Amino acid sequence: ISELWFDDEIEGTSLTVIEYSNNQYKEVTIGDISH
């Protein structure tokens, strides 16, 4: 819990994509604001 805030910047309207398959998470895109 002390590491709740990561270096990843999650700005308003940013896009984060996380895949879940076979009981595993995969971080695809974190905090993308290219749009």
PDB file of all heavy atoms in Angstrom:
ATOM      1  N   ILE A   1       0.830  -1.212   0.000  1.00  0.00           N
ATOM      2  CA  ILE A   1       0.000   0.000   0.000  1.00  0.00           C
ATOM      3  C   ILE A   1       0.863   1.259   0.000  1.00  0.00           C
ATOM      4  O   ILE A   1       0.476   2.287  -0.547  1.00  0.00           O
ATOM      5  CB  ILE A   1      -0.997   0.013   1.186  1.00  0.00           C
ATOM      6  CG1 ILE A   1      -2.061   1.090   0.995  1.00  0.00           C
ATOM      7  CG2 ILE A   1      -0.287   0.207   2.513  1.00  0.00           C
ATOM      8  CD1 ILE A   1      -3.089   0.753  -0.002  1.00  0.00           C
ATOM      9  N   SER A   2       2.050   1.194   0.571  1.00  0.00           N
ATOM     10  CA  SER A   2       2.936   2.366   0.591  1.00  0.00           C
ATOM     11  C   SER A   2       3.451   2.703  -0.800  1.00  0.00           C
ATOM     12  O   SER A   2       3.954   3.785  -1.039  1.00  0.00           O
ATOM     13  CB  SER A   2       4.113   2.143   1.545  1.00  0.00           C
ATOM     14  OG  SER A   2       4.915   1.078   1.090  1.00  0.00           O
ATOM     15  N   GLU A   3       3.290   1.770  -1.731  1.00  0.00           N
ATOM     16  CA  GLU A   3       3.727   1.977  -3.113  1.00  0.00           C
ATOM     17  C   GLU A   3       2.538   2.226  -4.042  1.00  0.00           C
ATOM     18  O   GLU A   3       2.599   1.939  -5.223  1.00  0.00           O
ATOM     19  CB  GLU A   3       4.492   0.749  -3.609  1.00  0.00           C
ATOM     20  CG  GLU A   3       5.705   0.410  -2.778  1.00  0.00           C
ATOM     21  CD  GLU A   3       6.301  -0.918  -3.171  1.00  0.00           C
ATOM     22  OE1 GLU A   3       5.742  -1.952  -2.771  1.00  0.00           O
ATOM     23  OE2 GLU A   3       7.313  -0.905  -3.883  1.00  0.00           O
ATOM     24  N   LEU A   4       1.459   2.785  -3.487  1.00  0.00           N
ATOM     25  CA  LEU A   4       0.244   2.984  -4.284  1.00  0.00           C
ATOM     26  C   LEU A   4       0.483   3.875  -5.478  1.00  0.00           C
ATOM     27  O   LEU A   4      -0.033   3.634  -6.565  1.00  0.00           O
ATOM     28  CB  LEU A   4      -0.870   3.562  -3.408  1.00  0.00           C
ATOM     29  CG  LEU A   4      -2.207   3.810  -4.095  1.00  0.00           C
ATOM     30  CD1 LEU A   4      -2.771   2.513  -4.676  1.00  0.00           C
ATOM     31  CD2 LEU A   4      -3.203   4.416  -3.131  1.00  0.00           C
ATOM     32  N   TRP A   5       1.252   4.924  -5.306  1.00  0.00           N
ATOM     33  CA  TRP A   5       1.499   5.840  -6.418  1.00  0.00           C
ATOM     34  C   TRP A   5       2.794   5.454  -7.114  1.00  0.00           C
ATOM     35  O   TRP A   5       3.869   5.559  -6.566  1.00  0.00           O
ATOM     36  CB  TRP A   5       1.592   7.290  -5.923  1.00  0.00           C
ATOM     37  CG  TRP A   5       0.483   7.655  -4.997  1.00  0.00           C
ATOM     38  CD1 TRP A   5       0.617   8.163  -3.745  1.00  0.00           C
ATOM     39  CD2 TRP A   5      -0.921   7.537  -5.222  1.00  0.00           C
ATOM     40  NE1 TRP A   5      -0.609   8.361  -3.182  1.00  0.00           N
ATOM     41  CE2 TRP A   5      -1.577   7.993  -4.067  1.00  0.00           C
ATOM     42  CE3 TRP A   5      -1.691   7.090  -6.290  1.00  0.00           C
ATOM     43  CZ2 TRP A   5      -2.960   8.018  -3.940  1.00  0.00           C
ATOM     44  CZ3 TRP A   5      -3.066   7.109  -6.156  1.00  0.00           C
ATOM     45  CH2 TRP A   5      -3.683   7.576  -5.014  1.00  0.00           C
ATOM     46  N   PHE A   6       2.659   4.999  -8.337  1.00  0.00           N
ATOM     47  CA  PHE A   6       3.818   4.595  -9.129  1.00  0.00           C
ATOM     48  C   PHE A   6       4.299   5.764  -9.959  1.00  0.00           C
ATOM     49  O   PHE A   6       3.657   6.804 -10.037  1.00  0.00           O
ATOM     50  CB  PHE A   6       3.446   3.424 -10.053  1.00  0.00           C
ATOM     51  CG  PHE A   6       3.050   2.187  -9.297  1.00  0.00           C
ATOM     52  CD1 PHE A   6       1.719   1.849  -9.147  1.00  0.00           C
ATOM     53  CD2 PHE A   6       4.010   1.375  -8.724  1.00  0.00           C
ATOM     54  CE1 PHE A   6       1.344   0.717  -8.450  1.00  0.00           C
ATOM     55  CE2 PHE A   6       3.644   0.237  -8.024  1.00  0.00           C
ATOM     56  CZ  PHE A   6       2.314  -0.098  -7.881  1.00  0.00           C
ATOM     57  N   ASP A   7       5.424   5.585 -10.616  1.00  0.00           N
ATOM     58  CA  ASP A   7       5.959   6.622 -11.490  1.00  0.00           C
ATOM     59  C   ASP A   7       5.103   6.819 -12.733  1.00  0.00           C
ATOM     60  O   ASP A   7       5.218   7.824 -13.410  1.00  0.00           O
ATOM     61  CB  ASP A   7       7.397   6.290 -11.901  1.00  0.00           C
ATOM     62  CG  ASP A   7       8.362   6.416 -10.732  1.00  0.00           C
ATOM     63  OD1 ASP A   7       8.052   7.161  -9.783  1.00  0.00           O
ATOM     64  OD2 ASP A   7       9.416   5.767 -10.768  1.00  0.00           O
ATOM     65  N   ASP A   8       4.261   5.840 -13.044  1.00  0.00           N
ATOM     66  CA  ASP A   8       3.374   5.972 -14.203  1.00  0.00           C
ATOM     67  C   ASP A   8       2.437   7.149 -13.982  1.00  0.00           C
ATOM     68  O   ASP A   8       1.773   7.234 -12.957  1.00  0.00           O
ATOM     69  CB  ASP A   8       2.517   4.708 -14.381  1.00  0.00           C
ATOM     70  CG  ASP A   8       3.363   3.459 -14.512  1.00  0.00           C
ATOM     71  OD1 ASP A   8       4.149   3.400 -15.458  1.00  0.00           O
ATOM     72  OD2 ASP A   8       3.228   2.574 -13.659  1.00  0.00           O
ATOM     73  N   GLU A   9       2.388   8.053 -14.930  1.00  0.00           N
ATOM     74  CA  GLU A   9       1.488   9.192 -14.820  1.00  0.00           C
ATOM     75  C   GLU A   9       0.147   8.825 -15.428  1.00  0.00           C
ATOM     76  O   GLU A   9       0.069   8.436 -16.591  1.00  0.00           O
ATOM     77  CB  GLU A   9       2.082  10.414 -15.530  1.00  0.00           C
ATOM     78  CG  GLU A   9       2.011  11.630 -14.658  1.00  0.00           C
ATOM     79  CD  GLU A   9       2.658  12.822 -15.296  1.00  0.00           C
ATOM     80  OE1 GLU A   9       3.885  12.801 -15.445  1.00  0.00           O
ATOM     81  OE2 GLU A   9       1.916  13.758 -15.636  1.00  0.00           O
ATOM     82  N   ILE A  10      -0.890   8.934 -14.639  1.00  0.00           N
ATOM     83  CA  ILE A  10      -2.240   8.646 -15.109  1.00  0.00           C
ATOM     84  C   ILE A  10      -2.972   9.980 -15.190  1.00  0.00           C
ATOM     85  O   ILE A  10      -3.549  10.452 -14.217  1.00  0.00           O
ATOM     86  CB  ILE A  10      -2.976   7.671 -14.163  1.00  0.00           C
ATOM     87  CG1 ILE A  10      -2.137   6.422 -13.877  1.00  0.00           C
ATOM     88  CG2 ILE A  10      -4.339   7.316 -14.723  1.00  0.00           C
ATOM     89  CD1 ILE A  10      -1.827   5.566 -15.091  1.00  0.00           C
ATOM     90  N   GLU A  11      -2.911  10.605 -16.348  1.00  0.00           N
ATOM     91  CA  GLU A  11      -3.550  11.909 -16.546  1.00  0.00           C
ATOM     92  C   GLU A  11      -5.007  11.721 -16.956  1.00  0.00           C
ATOM     93  O   GLU A  11      -5.409  10.645 -17.383  1.00  0.00           O
ATOM     94  CB  GLU A  11      -2.817  12.693 -17.640  1.00  0.00           C
ATOM     95  CG  GLU A  11      -1.408  13.092 -17.247  1.00  0.00           C
ATOM     96  CD  GLU A  11      -0.757  13.971 -18.294  1.00  0.00           C
ATOM     97  OE1 GLU A  11      -1.488  14.623 -19.060  1.00  0.00           O
ATOM     98  OE2 GLU A  11       0.469  14.004 -18.323  1.00  0.00           O
ATOM     99  N   GLY A  12      -5.768  12.807 -16.855  1.00  0.00           N
ATOM    100  CA  GLY A  12      -7.159  12.774 -17.289  1.00  0.00           C
ATOM    101  C   GLY A  12      -7.253  12.377 -18.756  1.00  0.00           C
ATOM    102  O   GLY A  12      -6.461  12.823 -19.569  1.00  0.00           O
ATOM    103  N   THR A  13      -8.172  11.544 -19.079  1.00  0.00           N
ATOM    104  CA  THR A  13      -8.459  10.974 -20.401  1.00  0.00           C
ATOM    105  C   THR A  13      -7.352  10.073 -20.929  1.00  0.00           C
ATOM    106  O   THR A  13      -7.376   9.684 -22.091  1.00  0.00           O
ATOM    107  CB  THR A  13      -8.803  12.038 -21.479  1.00  0.00           C
ATOM    108  OG1 THR A  13      -7.623  12.696 -21.930  1.00  0.00           O
ATOM    109  CG2 THR A  13      -9.847  13.013 -20.984  1.00  0.00           C
ATOM    110  N   SER A  14      -6.390   9.715 -20.093  1.00  0.00           N
ATOM    111  CA  SER A  14      -5.342   8.810 -20.568  1.00  0.00           C
ATOM    112  C   SER A  14      -5.924   7.408 -20.762  1.00  0.00           C
ATOM    113  O   SER A  14      -6.992   7.077 -20.251  1.00  0.00           O
ATOM    114  CB  SER A  14      -4.162   8.766 -19.598  1.00  0.00           C
ATOM    115  OG  SER A  14      -4.535   8.163 -18.372  1.00  0.00           O
ATOM    116  N   LEU A  15      -5.199   6.607 -21.505  1.00  0.00           N
ATOM    117  CA  LEU A  15      -5.638   5.258 -21.833  1.00  0.00           C
ATOM    118  C   LEU A  15      -4.699   4.249 -21.181  1.00  0.00           C
ATOM    119  O   LEU A  15      -3.481   4.319 -21.352  1.00  0.00           O
ATOM    120  CB  LEU A  15      -5.637   5.062 -23.355  1.00  0.00           C
ATOM    121  CG  LEU A  15      -6.010   3.681 -23.872  1.00  0.00           C
ATOM    122  CD1 LEU A  15      -7.469   3.370 -23.532  1.00  0.00           C
ATOM    123  CD2 LEU A  15      -5.784   3.607 -25.364  1.00  0.00           C
ATOM    124  N   THR A  16      -5.282   3.347 -20.431  1.00  0.00           N
ATOM    125  CA  THR A  16      -4.535   2.240 -19.834  1.00  0.00           C
ATOM    126  C   THR A  16      -5.188   0.959 -20.306  1.00  0.00           C
ATOM    127  O   THR A  16      -6.406   0.795 -20.186  1.00  0.00           O
ATOM    128  CB  THR A  16      -4.557   2.334 -18.294  1.00  0.00           C
ATOM    129  OG1 THR A  16      -3.856   3.515 -17.900  1.00  0.00           O
ATOM    130  CG2 THR A  16      -3.895   1.129 -17.654  1.00  0.00           C
ATOM    131  N   VAL A  17      -4.392   0.061 -20.858  1.00  0.00           N
ATOM    132  CA  VAL A  17      -4.907  -1.219 -21.346  1.00  0.00           C
ATOM    133  C   VAL A  17      -4.222  -2.330 -20.560  1.00  0.00           C
ATOM    134  O   VAL A  17      -2.991  -2.416 -20.528  1.00  0.00           O
ATOM    135  CB  VAL A  17      -4.651  -1.397 -22.857  1.00  0.00           C
ATOM    136  CG1 VAL A  17      -5.131  -2.768 -23.327  1.00  0.00           C
ATOM    137  CG2 VAL A  17      -5.317  -0.280 -23.650  1.00  0.00           C
ATOM    138  N   ILE A  18      -5.049  -3.160 -19.949  1.00  0.00           N
ATOM    139  CA  ILE A  18      -4.557  -4.308 -19.195  1.00  0.00           C
ATOM    140  C   ILE A  18      -5.293  -5.529 -19.718  1.00  0.00           C
ATOM    141  O   ILE A  18      -6.529  -5.548 -19.772  1.00  0.00           O
ATOM    142  CB  ILE A  18      -4.807  -4.131 -17.685  1.00  0.00           C
ATOM    143  CG1 ILE A  18      -4.061  -2.897 -17.175  1.00  0.00           C
ATOM    144  CG2 ILE A  18      -4.403  -5.382 -16.923  1.00  0.00           C
ATOM    145  CD1 ILE A  18      -4.429  -2.474 -15.781  1.00  0.00           C
ATOM    146  N   GLU A  19      -4.553  -6.536 -20.100  1.00  0.00           N
ATOM    147  CA  GLU A  19      -5.165  -7.779 -20.567  1.00  0.00           C
ATOM    148  C   GLU A  19      -5.166  -8.792 -19.428  1.00  0.00           C
ATOM    149  O   GLU A  19      -4.245  -8.823 -18.604  1.00  0.00           O
ATOM    150  CB  GLU A  19      -4.368  -8.353 -21.746  1.00  0.00           C
ATOM    151  CG  GLU A  19      -4.442  -7.505 -22.991  1.00  0.00           C
ATOM    152  CD  GLU A  19      -3.627  -8.070 -24.151  1.00  0.00           C
ATOM    153  OE1 GLU A  19      -2.885  -9.066 -23.957  1.00  0.00           O
ATOM    154  OE2 GLU A  19      -3.730  -7.503 -25.243  1.00  0.00           O
ATOM    155  N   TYR A  20      -6.214  -9.604 -19.397  1.00  0.00           N
ATOM    156  CA  TYR A  20      -6.318 -10.660 -18.398  1.00  0.00           C
ATOM    157  C   TYR A  20      -6.654 -11.948 -19.121  1.00  0.00           C
ATOM    158  O   TYR A  20      -7.654 -12.040 -19.824  1.00  0.00           O
ATOM    159  CB  TYR A  20      -7.402 -10.334 -17.364  1.00  0.00           C
ATOM    160  CG  TYR A  20      -7.509 -11.374 -16.293  1.00  0.00           C
ATOM    161  CD1 TYR A  20      -6.641 -11.363 -15.206  1.00  0.00           C
ATOM    162  CD2 TYR A  20      -8.467 -12.375 -16.362  1.00  0.00           C
ATOM    163  CE1 TYR A  20      -6.731 -12.323 -14.214  1.00  0.00           C
ATOM    164  CE2 TYR A  20      -8.567 -13.344 -15.373  1.00  0.00           C
ATOM    165  CZ  TYR A  20      -7.697 -13.315 -14.301  1.00  0.00           C
ATOM    166  OH  TYR A  20      -7.783 -14.273 -13.316  1.00  0.00           O
ATOM    167  N   SER A  21      -5.790 -12.934 -18.981  1.00  0.00           N
ATOM    168  CA  SER A  21      -5.996 -14.214 -19.640  1.00  0.00           C
ATOM    169  C   SER A  21      -5.266 -15.289 -18.843  1.00  0.00           C
ATOM    170  O   SER A  21      -4.141 -15.068 -18.375  1.00  0.00           O
ATOM    171  CB  SER A  21      -5.446 -14.149 -21.073  1.00  0.00           C
ATOM    172  OG  SER A  21      -5.624 -15.376 -21.721  1.00  0.00           O
ATOM    173  N   ASN A  22      -5.901 -16.441 -18.697  1.00  0.00           N
ATOM    174  CA  ASN A  22      -5.294 -17.568 -17.983  1.00  0.00           C
ATOM    175  C   ASN A  22      -4.800 -17.169 -16.588  1.00  0.00           C
ATOM    176  O   ASN A  22      -3.693 -17.515 -16.170  1.00  0.00           O
ATOM    177  CB  ASN A  22      -4.149 -18.188 -18.787  1.00  0.00           C
ATOM    178  CG  ASN A  22      -4.611 -18.721 -20.114  1.00  0.00           C
ATOM    179  OD1 ASN A  22      -5.706 -19.290 -20.223  1.00  0.00           O
ATOM    180  ND2 ASN A  22      -3.824 -18.520 -21.149  1.00  0.00           N
ATOM    181  N   ASN A  23      -5.630 -16.412 -15.884  1.00  0.00           N
ATOM    182  CA  ASN A  23      -5.314 -15.958 -14.522  1.00  0.00           C
ATOM    183  C   ASN A  23      -4.063 -15.096 -14.438  1.00  0.00           C
ATOM    184  O   ASN A  23      -3.420 -15.035 -13.395  1.00  0.00           O
ATOM    185  CB  ASN A  23      -5.192 -17.149 -13.559  1.00  0.00           C
ATOM    186  CG  ASN A  23      -6.510 -17.867 -13.381  1.00  0.00           C
ATOM    187  OD1 ASN A  23      -7.564 -17.239 -13.363  1.00  0.00           O
ATOM    188  ND2 ASN A  23      -6.448 -19.174 -13.270  1.00  0.00           N
ATOM    189  N   GLN A  24      -3.720 -14.427 -15.528  1.00  0.00           N
ATOM    190  CA  GLN A  24      -2.541 -13.560 -15.564  1.00  0.00           C
ATOM    191  C   GLN A  24      -2.925 -12.196 -16.118  1.00  0.00           C
ATOM    192  O   GLN A  24      -3.700 -12.097 -17.063  1.00  0.00           O
ATOM    193  CB  GLN A  24      -1.464 -14.156 -16.487  1.00  0.00           C
ATOM    194  CG  GLN A  24      -0.953 -15.501 -16.069  1.00  0.00           C
ATOM    195  CD  GLN A  24       0.286 -15.388 -15.205  1.00  0.00           C
ATOM    196  OE1 GLN A  24       0.931 -14.359 -15.172  1.00  0.00           O
ATOM    197  NE2 GLN A  24       0.600 -16.456 -14.501  1.00  0.00           N
ATOM    198  N   TYR A  25      -2.370 -11.157 -15.511  1.00  0.00           N
ATOM    199  CA  TYR A  25      -2.530  -9.805 -16.024  1.00  0.00           C
ATOM    200  C   TYR A  25      -1.324  -9.458 -16.878  1.00  0.00           C
ATOM    201  O   TYR A  25      -0.207  -9.882 -16.599  1.00  0.00           O
ATOM    202  CB  TYR A  25      -2.585  -8.781 -14.885  1.00  0.00           C
ATOM    203  CG  TYR A  25      -3.830  -8.844 -14.042  1.00  0.00           C
ATOM    204  CD1 TYR A  25      -3.825  -9.499 -12.816  1.00  0.00           C
ATOM    205  CD2 TYR A  25      -4.996  -8.223 -14.457  1.00  0.00           C
ATOM    206  CE1 TYR A  25      -4.962  -9.533 -12.026  1.00  0.00           C
ATOM    207  CE2 TYR A  25      -6.144  -8.254 -13.669  1.00  0.00           C
ATOM    208  CZ  TYR A  25      -6.107  -8.916 -12.456  1.00  0.00           C
ATOM    209  OH  TYR A  25      -7.235  -8.945 -11.687  1.00  0.00           O
ATOM    210  N   LYS A  26      -1.569  -8.667 -17.920  1.00  0.00           N
ATOM    211  CA  LYS A  26      -0.482  -8.160 -18.751  1.00  0.00           C
ATOM    212  C   LYS A  26      -0.731  -6.669 -18.974  1.00  0.00           C
ATOM    213  O   LYS A  26      -1.776  -6.282 -19.497  1.00  0.00           O
ATOM    214  CB  LYS A  26      -0.430  -8.881 -20.090  1.00  0.00           C
ATOM    215  CG  LYS A  26       0.657  -8.359 -21.010  1.00  0.00           C
ATOM    216  CD  LYS A  26       0.627  -9.051 -22.350  1.00  0.00           C
ATOM    217  CE  LYS A  26       1.647  -8.428 -23.280  1.00  0.00           C
ATOM    218  NZ  LYS A  26       1.470  -8.894 -24.647  1.00  0.00           N
ATOM    219  N   GLU A  27       0.235  -5.851 -18.568  1.00  0.00           N
ATOM    220  CA  GLU A  27       0.145  -4.416 -18.799  1.00  0.00           C
ATOM    221  C   GLU A  27       0.523  -4.142 -20.248  1.00  0.00           C
ATOM    222  O   GLU A  27       1.639  -4.404 -20.655  1.00  0.00           O
ATOM    223  CB  GLU A  27       1.094  -3.665 -17.863  1.00  0.00           C
ATOM    224  CG  GLU A  27       0.737  -3.812 -16.405  1.00  0.00           C
ATOM    225  CD  GLU A  27       1.720  -3.113 -15.499  1.00  0.00           C
ATOM    226  OE1 GLU A  27       2.288  -2.078 -15.903  1.00  0.00           O
ATOM    227  OE2 GLU A  27       1.920  -3.609 -14.373  1.00  0.00           O
ATOM    228  N   VAL A  28      -0.419  -3.629 -21.027  1.00  0.00           N
ATOM    229  CA  VAL A  28      -0.185  -3.358 -22.441  1.00  0.00           C
ATOM    230  C   VAL A  28       0.182  -1.886 -22.641  1.00  0.00           C
ATOM    231  O   VAL A  28       1.180  -1.565 -23.270  1.00  0.00           O
ATOM    232  CB  VAL A  28      -1.432  -3.728 -23.288  1.00  0.00           C
ATOM    233  CG1 VAL A  28      -1.210  -3.395 -24.751  1.00  0.00           C
ATOM    234  CG2 VAL A  28      -1.782  -5.199 -23.102  1.00  0.00           C
ATOM    235  N   THR A  29      -0.636  -0.998 -22.104  1.00  0.00           N
ATOM    236  CA  THR A  29      -0.430   0.442 -22.223  1.00  0.00           C
ATOM    237  C   THR A  29      -0.803   1.075 -20.891  1.00  0.00           C
ATOM    238  O   THR A  29      -1.862   0.777 -20.350  1.00  0.00           O
ATOM    239  CB  THR A  29      -1.328   1.035 -23.326  1.00  0.00           C
ATOM    240  OG1 THR A  29      -1.068   0.370 -24.549  1.00  0.00           O
ATOM    241  CG2 THR A  29      -1.110   2.519 -23.488  1.00  0.00           C
ATOM    242  N   ILE A  30       0.054   1.940 -20.382  1.00  0.00           N
ATOM    243  CA  ILE A  30      -0.220   2.607 -19.115  1.00  0.00           C
ATOM    244  C   ILE A  30      -0.150   4.123 -19.314  1.00  0.00           C
ATOM    245  O   ILE A  30       0.879   4.659 -19.701  1.00  0.00           O
ATOM    246  CB  ILE A  30       0.791   2.184 -18.020  1.00  0.00           C
ATOM    247  CG1 ILE A  30       0.856   0.659 -17.867  1.00  0.00           C
ATOM    248  CG2 ILE A  30       0.460   2.872 -16.683  1.00  0.00           C
ATOM    249  CD1 ILE A  30      -0.434   0.007 -17.429  1.00  0.00           C
ATOM    250  N   GLY A  31      -1.267   4.794 -19.077  1.00  0.00           N
ATOM    251  CA  GLY A  31      -1.317   6.256 -19.086  1.00  0.00           C
ATOM    252  C   GLY A  31      -1.018   6.915 -20.424  1.00  0.00           C
ATOM    253  O   GLY A  31      -0.491   8.023 -20.464  1.00  0.00           O
ATOM    254  N   ASP A  32      -1.392   6.281 -21.523  1.00  0.00           N
ATOM    255  CA  ASP A  32      -1.119   6.834 -22.858  1.00  0.00           C
ATOM    256  C   ASP A  32      -1.987   8.064 -23.116  1.00  0.00           C
ATOM    257  O   ASP A  32      -3.207   8.030 -22.958  1.00  0.00           O
ATOM    258  CB  ASP A  32      -1.391   5.774 -23.919  1.00  0.00           C
ATOM    259  CG  ASP A  32      -1.176   6.279 -25.326  1.00  0.00           C
ATOM    260  OD1 ASP A  32      -0.309   7.148 -25.529  1.00  0.00           O
ATOM    261  OD2 ASP A  32      -1.896   5.806 -26.235  1.00  0.00           O
ATOM    262  N   ILE A  33      -1.359   9.165 -23.518  1.00  0.00           N
ATOM    263  CA  ILE A  33      -2.110  10.385 -23.836  1.00  0.00           C
ATOM    264  C   ILE A  33      -1.857  10.838 -25.277  1.00  0.00           C
ATOM    265  O   ILE A  33      -2.089  11.987 -25.626  1.00  0.00           O
ATOM    266  CB  ILE A  33      -1.759  11.533 -22.856  1.00  0.00           C
ATOM    267  CG1 ILE A  33      -0.268  11.819 -22.862  1.00  0.00           C
ATOM    268  CG2 ILE A  33      -2.284  11.240 -21.454  1.00  0.00           C
ATOM    269  CD1 ILE A  33       0.119  13.092 -22.144  1.00  0.00           C
ATOM    270  N   SER A  34      -1.404   9.928 -26.120  1.00  0.00           N
ATOM    271  CA  SER A  34      -1.063  10.294 -27.496  1.00  0.00           C
ATOM    272  C   SER A  34      -2.278  10.791 -28.287  1.00  0.00           C
ATOM    273  O   SER A  34      -2.120  11.474 -29.295  1.00  0.00           O
ATOM    274  CB  SER A  34      -0.413   9.115 -28.216  1.00  0.00           C
ATOM    275  OG  SER A  34      -1.293   8.014 -28.293  1.00  0.00           O
ATOM    276  N   HIS A  35      -3.479  10.473 -27.835  1.00  0.00           N
ATOM    277  CA  HIS A  35      -4.695  10.923 -28.527  1.00  0.00           C
ATOM    278  C   HIS A  35      -5.049  12.373 -28.224  1.00  0.00           C
ATOM    279  O   HIS A  35      -5.860  12.964 -28.915  1.00  0.00           O
ATOM    280  CB  HIS A  35      -5.872  10.037 -28.117  1.00  0.00           C
ATOM    281  CG  HIS A  35      -6.162  10.096 -26.661  1.00  0.00           C
ATOM    282  ND1 HIS A  35      -5.423   9.376 -25.742  1.00  0.00           N
ATOM    283  CD2 HIS A  35      -7.070  10.796 -25.946  1.00  0.00           C
ATOM    284  CE1 HIS A  35      -5.877   9.628 -24.540  1.00  0.00           C
ATOM    285  NE2 HIS A  35      -6.877  10.484 -24.631  1.00  0.00           N
TER     286      HIS A  35
END
